[in-house]
Amino acid sequence: MRKLLKSFKTEINPTIEQKIKINKTIGTCRYVYNFYLGHNKTLYDNGEKFMTGKSFSVWLNNEYIPNNPDKIWIKEAYSKAVKKSIEDGCTAFTRFFKHQSAFPNFKKKGKSDVKMYFVKNNTKDCRCERHRLNIPTLGWVRIKEKGYIPTTKDGWKIKSGTVSVKADRYYVSVLVEI
């Protein structure tokens, strides 16, 4: 039987500590995305080979961060969110090389729609109850619209999701398997 995927987006009410963590992760994702674009732009301008997202991630974690101790704060963010921002940059470059879109643009704070991505690794990572949602690295976050996202008890499985910020209001979008 084919499984259906459905998405739900609603506003959340995180605590002050959770807001700080969300903002740090979103800022780190924006920085890594821009760093990936800048690094590949210099390679492209010098006529060198394009660096894929996977090779950039390996280079970033194994060479760049250990050699630059002032960039250790990149490791403090949720690793899956950072990996997703690198994948987004790789997709943007792939689309550029296939002539499907223009050269990728850098993301500016306040103007670009950067999100914190999370994924379900095991059964206890992402759970939903009537009035709250368990997000990896954030813990339980209150949902403002109670009962909108289907609960885990009903047999629905959360596959992945994103946390976004618009006008100092926090939203969660989850992908649910029916």
Protein backbone atom coordinates (compact mmCIF):
# COMPACT_ATOMS: atom_id res chain seq x y z
CA MET A 1 0.00 0.00 0.00
CA ARG A 2 1.26 3.45 -0.89
CA LYS A 3 1.84 5.80 2.01
CA LEU A 4 0.65 9.38 1.79
CA LEU A 5 2.57 12.38 3.05
CA LYS A 6 0.79 15.49 4.30
CA SER A 7 2.22 18.71 5.67
CA PHE A 8 0.94 20.88 8.49
CA LYS A 9 2.11 24.36 9.46
CA THR A 10 1.18 26.10 12.68
CA GLU A 11 2.50 28.69 15.10
CA ILE A 12 4.47 27.57 18.13
CA ASN A 13 5.18 29.26 21.45
CA PRO A 14 8.82 28.45 22.37
CA THR A 15 10.44 29.45 25.64
CA ILE A 16 13.16 32.12 25.73
CA GLU A 17 15.92 29.47 25.76
CA GLN A 18 14.32 27.69 22.79
CA LYS A 19 14.05 31.00 20.89
CA ILE A 20 17.77 31.63 21.44
CA LYS A 21 18.60 28.13 20.21
CA ILE A 22 16.35 28.51 17.14
CA ASN A 23 17.88 31.89 16.25
CA LYS A 24 21.43 30.54 16.69
CA THR A 25 20.70 27.53 14.49
CA ILE A 26 19.06 29.65 11.78
CA GLY A 27 22.01 32.08 11.87
CA THR A 28 24.49 29.22 11.63
CA CYS A 29 22.59 27.70 8.70
CA ARG A 30 22.61 31.05 6.89
CA TYR A 31 26.35 31.46 7.54
CA VAL A 32 27.18 27.94 6.31
CA TYR A 33 24.99 28.38 3.20
CA ASN A 34 26.71 31.68 2.35
CA PHE A 35 30.13 30.20 3.13
CA TYR A 36 29.41 27.27 0.80
CA LEU A 37 28.31 29.63 -1.98
CA GLY A 38 31.35 31.87 -1.46
CA HIS A 39 33.76 28.95 -1.40
CA ASN A 40 32.34 27.48 -4.62
CA LYS A 41 32.24 30.93 -6.24
CA THR A 42 35.99 31.34 -5.69
CA LEU A 43 36.55 27.84 -7.09
CA TYR A 44 34.33 28.67 -10.07
CA ASP A 45 36.16 31.98 -10.70
CA ASN A 46 39.56 30.24 -10.53
CA GLY A 47 38.41 27.57 -13.00
CA GLU A 48 38.66 24.78 -10.43
CA LYS A 49 36.29 21.88 -9.93
CA PHE A 50 32.96 22.43 -8.15
CA MET A 51 32.86 21.11 -4.57
CA THR A 52 29.80 18.96 -3.85
CA GLY A 53 27.80 19.29 -0.67
CA LYS A 54 29.14 16.05 0.79
CA SER A 55 32.78 16.92 0.12
CA PHE A 56 32.23 20.43 1.50
CA SER A 57 30.67 19.01 4.66
CA VAL A 58 33.65 16.67 5.15
CA TRP A 59 36.09 19.54 4.49
CA LEU A 60 34.20 21.88 6.85
CA ASN A 61 34.06 19.41 9.75
CA ASN A 62 37.48 17.76 9.38
CA GLU A 63 39.73 20.55 8.09
CA TYR A 64 38.24 24.03 8.31
CA ILE A 65 36.74 24.04 11.84
CA PRO A 66 39.75 22.31 13.53
CA ASN A 67 42.13 24.79 11.84
CA ASN A 68 39.95 27.81 12.74
CA PRO A 69 39.07 27.65 16.46
CA ASP A 70 37.06 30.88 16.20
CA LYS A 71 34.49 28.99 14.05
CA ILE A 72 33.82 26.27 16.63
CA TRP A 73 30.33 27.76 17.17
CA ILE A 74 29.25 26.03 13.94
CA LYS A 75 29.39 22.72 15.84
CA GLU A 76 26.92 24.05 18.46
CA ALA A 77 24.03 24.09 15.98
CA TYR A 78 21.89 21.08 15.13
CA SER A 79 24.03 19.10 12.66
CA LYS A 80 21.13 17.98 10.45
CA ALA A 81 20.05 21.60 9.94
CA VAL A 82 23.58 22.61 8.92
CA LYS A 83 23.77 19.62 6.56
CA LYS A 84 20.43 20.60 5.00
CA SER A 85 21.65 24.15 4.34
CA ILE A 86 24.71 22.72 2.55
CA GLU A 87 22.40 20.45 0.52
CA ASP A 88 20.26 23.47 -0.40
CA GLY A 89 23.38 25.26 -1.65
CA CYS A 90 24.42 22.19 -3.63
CA THR A 91 20.94 22.02 -5.19
CA ALA A 92 21.16 25.71 -6.13
CA PHE A 93 24.50 25.16 -7.86
CA THR A 94 23.25 22.01 -9.61
CA ARG A 95 20.27 23.95 -10.97
CA PHE A 96 22.63 26.72 -12.11
CA PHE A 97 24.91 24.29 -13.96
CA LYS A 98 21.89 22.67 -15.67
CA HIS A 99 20.75 26.16 -16.81
CA GLN A 100 17.50 25.86 -14.86
CA SER A 101 18.10 28.97 -12.72
CA ALA A 102 20.45 31.90 -12.26
CA PHE A 103 23.60 31.92 -10.16
CA PRO A 104 22.71 31.31 -6.48
CA ASN A 105 22.33 34.40 -4.30
CA PHE A 106 23.67 34.91 -0.81
CA LYS A 107 21.11 34.98 2.00
CA LYS A 108 20.84 38.23 3.94
CA LYS A 109 19.67 38.34 7.53
CA GLY A 110 16.10 39.58 7.77
CA LYS A 111 15.36 39.30 4.05
CA SER A 112 15.94 35.65 3.23
CA ASP A 113 13.75 32.79 4.28
CA VAL A 114 16.19 30.59 6.21
CA LYS A 115 14.73 27.75 8.25
CA MET A 116 15.86 25.31 10.90
CA TYR A 117 15.40 21.81 9.50
CA PHE A 118 14.87 18.76 11.69
CA VAL A 119 14.46 15.11 10.85
CA LYS A 120 13.24 12.09 12.74
CA ASN A 121 16.15 9.73 13.45
CA ASN A 122 14.42 7.37 15.87
CA THR A 123 10.98 6.92 17.40
CA LYS A 124 11.55 9.30 20.31
CA ASP A 125 12.94 12.22 18.26
CA CYS A 126 9.73 13.76 16.92
CA ARG A 127 6.55 13.16 18.84
CA CYS A 128 3.38 15.16 18.89
CA GLU A 129 0.76 15.42 21.57
CA ARG A 130 -2.41 17.51 21.49
CA HIS A 131 -0.80 20.75 22.66
CA ARG A 132 2.96 20.24 22.23
CA LEU A 133 5.57 18.92 19.82
CA ASN A 134 8.93 17.30 20.62
CA ILE A 135 11.62 18.73 18.31
CA PRO A 136 15.20 17.38 18.36
CA THR A 137 17.64 19.67 20.26
CA LEU A 138 14.75 21.91 21.40
CA GLY A 139 12.67 19.49 23.42
CA TRP A 140 8.96 19.98 23.97
CA VAL A 141 7.56 23.12 22.31
CA ARG A 142 4.03 24.37 22.88
CA ILE A 143 1.71 24.59 19.87
CA LYS A 144 -0.62 27.60 19.78
CA GLU A 145 -3.28 25.84 17.69
CA LYS A 146 -4.06 22.78 19.77
CA GLY A 147 -5.12 19.64 17.94
CA TYR A 148 -4.16 20.88 14.46
CA ILE A 149 -1.18 18.57 14.00
CA PRO A 150 -2.20 14.90 14.27
CA THR A 151 -0.84 13.16 17.33
CA THR A 152 1.56 10.24 17.42
CA LYS A 153 -0.96 8.21 19.43
CA ASP A 154 -3.31 8.17 16.42
CA GLY A 155 -0.69 6.29 14.38
CA TRP A 156 0.61 9.27 12.39
CA LYS A 157 4.38 9.45 11.97
CA ILE A 158 6.31 12.71 11.70
CA LYS A 159 9.01 12.32 9.03
CA SER A 160 10.68 15.76 9.10
CA GLY A 161 9.98 19.42 9.62
CA THR A 162 11.20 22.99 9.69
CA VAL A 163 11.05 25.82 12.19
CA SER A 164 10.82 29.29 10.67
CA VAL A 165 10.61 32.85 12.01
CA LYS A 166 8.54 35.67 10.51
CA ALA A 167 8.14 39.00 12.30
CA ASP A 168 9.35 37.50 15.61
CA ARG A 169 6.68 34.79 15.43
CA TYR A 170 7.78 31.16 15.28
CA TYR A 171 6.20 28.54 13.05
CA VAL A 172 6.69 24.81 12.65
CA SER A 173 5.95 22.90 9.48
CA VAL A 174 5.93 19.11 9.75
CA LEU A 175 5.70 16.37 7.14
CA VAL A 176 3.46 13.56 8.39
CA GLU A 177 3.07 10.06 6.99
CA ILE A 178 -0.53 8.88 6.91
